């Protein structure tokens, strides 16, 4: 299971990076990403489900509940995407990515960022923060899709769909992490 999972993770990251730099490839990269991410999420989910039975269905339910709740709030215009909102979510997302990158590099050198990966209050608080930011990225995806509204090039539909799937996968993984931290207490 681990080779398929790791291949899926690495492959999915490569495909997303290619698509980020060459959006015209999104009609090809979107389905490839979905397959690779399926291997990654399937392996991670299977591992955590063995360790914490029932965790995966909870994470799936929370992910979809978050998606539909935010979509309803967005469509009802109770959440509006302003430039300040966009900048704040981008900054927070970039900060999280930087923390994860430093943690990954540190892992290769035998050290880790203290507390955030543990099941203490700081670790759980960090996970809650990351889940909130991942959820807010869904709102940015909705806005991106709405702003395209049939006027953009056809490949941009694939690009927007890929962005939404990437955000949902990230949200699901972060909810899994949060629930596993809560279960391990």
Protein backbone atom coordinates (compact mmCIF):
# COMPACT_ATOMS: atom_id res chain seq x y z
CA UNK A 1 0.00 0.00 0.00
CA UNK A 2 2.81 2.44 0.85
CA UNK A 3 4.43 2.52 -2.62
CA UNK A 4 1.05 3.25 -4.27
CA UNK A 5 0.29 5.89 -1.67
CA UNK A 6 3.68 7.61 -1.97
CA UNK A 7 3.58 7.38 -5.77
CA UNK A 8 0.17 9.00 -5.66
CA UNK A 9 1.31 11.81 -3.38
CA UNK A 10 4.46 12.60 -5.34
CA UNK A 11 2.76 12.21 -8.71
CA UNK A 12 -0.18 14.40 -7.68
CA UNK A 13 2.14 17.16 -6.50
CA UNK A 14 4.10 17.03 -9.77
CA UNK A 15 0.93 17.13 -11.87
CA UNK A 16 -0.47 20.08 -9.91
CA UNK A 17 2.81 21.98 -10.25
CA UNK A 18 2.84 21.37 -14.02
CA UNK A 19 -0.76 22.56 -14.28
CA UNK A 20 -0.03 25.65 -12.17
CA UNK A 21 2.65 26.74 -14.63
CA UNK A 22 0.89 25.54 -17.80
CA UNK A 23 -2.89 25.87 -17.26
CA UNK A 24 -3.60 24.81 -20.87
CA UNK A 25 -2.60 21.26 -19.84
CA UNK A 26 -5.39 21.07 -17.26
CA UNK A 27 -7.72 18.95 -19.46
CA UNK A 28 -5.02 16.27 -19.47
CA UNK A 29 -3.62 16.86 -15.99
CA UNK A 30 -7.00 16.98 -14.22
CA UNK A 31 -7.89 13.31 -14.74
CA UNK A 32 -4.30 12.21 -14.11
CA UNK A 33 -4.27 14.16 -10.84
CA UNK A 34 -7.57 12.58 -9.80
CA UNK A 35 -6.21 9.07 -10.28
CA UNK A 36 -2.97 9.82 -8.44
CA UNK A 37 -4.77 11.60 -5.61
CA UNK A 38 -7.11 8.61 -5.37
CA UNK A 39 -4.12 6.37 -4.65
CA UNK A 40 -2.77 8.82 -2.10
CA UNK A 41 -6.04 9.47 -0.28
CA UNK A 42 -7.02 5.81 -0.44
CA UNK A 43 -3.78 4.69 1.17
CA UNK A 44 -3.82 7.36 3.86
CA UNK A 45 -7.49 6.70 4.58
CA UNK A 46 -6.97 2.94 4.81
CA UNK A 47 -4.06 3.39 7.22
CA UNK A 48 -5.99 5.76 9.49
CA UNK A 49 -9.17 3.68 9.31
CA UNK A 50 -7.25 0.66 10.62
CA UNK A 51 -5.89 2.73 13.47
CA UNK A 52 -9.11 4.63 14.27
CA UNK A 53 -12.19 2.76 13.01
CA UNK A 54 -14.93 5.08 11.76
CA UNK A 55 -12.57 8.02 11.26
CA UNK A 56 -12.77 8.08 7.46
CA UNK A 57 -16.56 8.28 7.24
CA UNK A 58 -16.49 11.13 9.77
CA UNK A 59 -13.86 12.97 7.73
CA UNK A 60 -15.78 12.46 4.48
CA UNK A 61 -19.01 13.66 6.10
CA UNK A 62 -17.32 16.75 7.58
CA UNK A 63 -15.63 17.53 4.25
CA UNK A 64 -18.90 17.42 2.33
CA UNK A 65 -20.78 19.27 5.07
CA UNK A 66 -18.15 22.02 4.90
CA UNK A 67 -18.31 22.12 1.11
CA UNK A 68 -22.09 22.41 0.95
CA UNK A 69 -22.33 24.84 3.87
CA UNK A 70 -19.78 27.20 2.36
CA UNK A 71 -21.34 26.89 -1.07
CA UNK A 72 -24.73 27.85 0.38
CA UNK A 73 -23.22 30.78 2.30
CA UNK A 74 -21.42 31.90 -0.85
CA UNK A 75 -24.49 31.62 -3.10
CA UNK A 76 -26.61 33.46 -0.54
CA UNK A 77 -23.91 36.18 -0.55
CA UNK A 78 -23.37 35.84 3.19
CA UNK A 79 -19.66 35.40 2.39
CA UNK A 80 -18.18 37.82 -0.10
CA UNK A 81 -14.77 37.58 -1.68
CA UNK A 82 -13.09 40.96 -1.45
CA UNK A 83 -9.49 41.75 -2.24
CA UNK A 84 -8.73 41.80 1.50
CA UNK A 85 -10.37 38.39 1.97
CA UNK A 86 -8.44 36.98 -0.98
CA UNK A 87 -5.15 38.46 0.28
CA UNK A 88 -5.72 37.15 3.81
CA UNK A 89 -6.51 33.62 2.65
CA UNK A 90 -3.54 33.64 0.23
CA UNK A 91 -1.21 34.83 2.99
CA UNK A 92 -2.45 32.25 5.48
CA UNK A 93 -2.26 29.48 2.88
CA UNK A 94 1.28 30.54 1.97
CA UNK A 95 2.26 30.56 5.64
CA UNK A 96 0.89 27.05 6.13
CA UNK A 97 2.70 25.85 3.00
CA UNK A 98 5.94 27.37 4.31
CA UNK A 99 5.52 25.69 7.71
CA UNK A 100 4.85 22.33 6.02
CA UNK A 101 7.84 22.79 3.69
CA UNK A 102 10.17 23.62 6.59
CA UNK A 103 8.79 20.61 8.45
CA UNK A 104 9.40 18.35 5.43
CA UNK A 105 12.97 19.56 5.02
CA UNK A 106 13.51 19.21 8.77
CA UNK A 107 12.20 15.64 8.64
CA UNK A 108 15.00 14.75 6.20
CA UNK A 109 17.55 16.12 8.69
CA UNK A 110 16.08 14.40 11.73
CA UNK A 111 14.16 17.24 13.40
CA UNK A 112 10.60 18.43 13.39
CA UNK A 113 8.66 21.55 14.24
CA UNK A 114 7.58 21.05 17.85
CA UNK A 115 3.96 20.73 18.95
CA UNK A 116 2.05 21.17 15.68
CA UNK A 117 2.03 17.46 14.80
CA UNK A 118 1.17 16.34 18.31
CA UNK A 119 -2.25 15.80 19.89
CA UNK A 120 -1.82 18.50 22.54
CA UNK A 121 -3.73 21.77 22.55
CA UNK A 122 -1.23 23.51 20.28
CA UNK A 123 -1.33 20.69 17.74
CA UNK A 124 -5.11 20.55 17.76
CA UNK A 125 -5.34 24.34 17.57
CA UNK A 126 -2.97 24.36 14.61
CA UNK A 127 -5.05 21.71 12.87
CA UNK A 128 -8.27 23.66 13.48
CA UNK A 129 -6.59 26.76 11.99
CA UNK A 130 -5.46 24.81 8.92
CA UNK A 131 -8.93 23.29 8.43
CA UNK A 132 -10.45 26.79 8.55
CA UNK A 133 -7.97 28.12 5.99
CA UNK A 134 -8.52 25.10 3.72
CA UNK A 135 -12.27 25.71 3.97
CA UNK A 136 -11.84 29.39 3.11
CA UNK A 137 -9.91 28.33 0.02
CA UNK A 138 -13.14 26.68 -1.15
CA UNK A 139 -14.73 30.13 -1.16
CA UNK A 140 -11.90 31.39 -3.36
CA UNK A 141 -12.49 28.45 -5.70
CA UNK A 142 -16.21 29.27 -5.91
CA UNK A 143 -15.34 32.88 -6.72
CA UNK A 144 -12.83 31.83 -9.39
CA UNK A 145 -15.41 29.57 -11.01
CA UNK A 146 -18.10 32.23 -10.88
CA UNK A 147 -15.86 34.91 -12.34
CA UNK A 148 -15.14 32.61 -15.33
CA UNK A 149 -18.89 32.10 -15.96
CA UNK A 150 -18.58 30.76 -19.50
CA UNK A 151 -16.41 33.62 -20.73
CA UNK A 152 -13.04 31.99 -20.16
CA UNK A 153 -11.25 29.56 -22.45
CA UNK A 154 -12.49 25.96 -22.29
CA UNK A 155 -9.33 24.70 -20.58
CA UNK A 156 -10.00 27.13 -17.71
CA UNK A 157 -13.06 25.05 -16.77
CA UNK A 158 -10.72 22.12 -16.22
CA UNK A 159 -8.29 24.38 -14.40
CA UNK A 160 -11.01 25.63 -12.04
CA UNK A 161 -12.30 22.09 -11.46
CA UNK A 162 -8.78 20.89 -10.67
CA UNK A 163 -8.37 23.74 -8.19
CA UNK A 164 -11.60 22.76 -6.46
CA UNK A 165 -10.56 19.09 -6.27
CA UNK A 166 -7.14 20.01 -4.89
CA UNK A 167 -8.78 22.15 -2.20
CA UNK A 168 -11.25 19.39 -1.30
CA UNK A 169 -8.44 16.85 -1.04
CA UNK A 170 -6.46 19.22 1.20
CA UNK A 171 -9.51 19.90 3.37
CA UNK A 172 -10.22 16.16 3.69
CA UNK A 173 -6.61 15.42 4.68
CA UNK A 174 -6.57 18.18 7.26
CA UNK A 175 -9.88 17.02 8.73
CA UNK A 176 -8.43 13.50 8.89
CA UNK A 177 -5.38 14.87 10.73
CA UNK A 178 -7.53 16.83 13.17
CA UNK A 179 -9.81 13.87 13.89
CA UNK A 180 -6.85 11.52 14.35
CA UNK A 181 -5.28 13.96 16.81
CA UNK A 182 -8.53 14.15 18.73
CA UNK A 183 -8.87 10.35 18.74
CA UNK A 184 -5.31 9.81 19.95
CA UNK A 185 -5.89 11.89 23.11
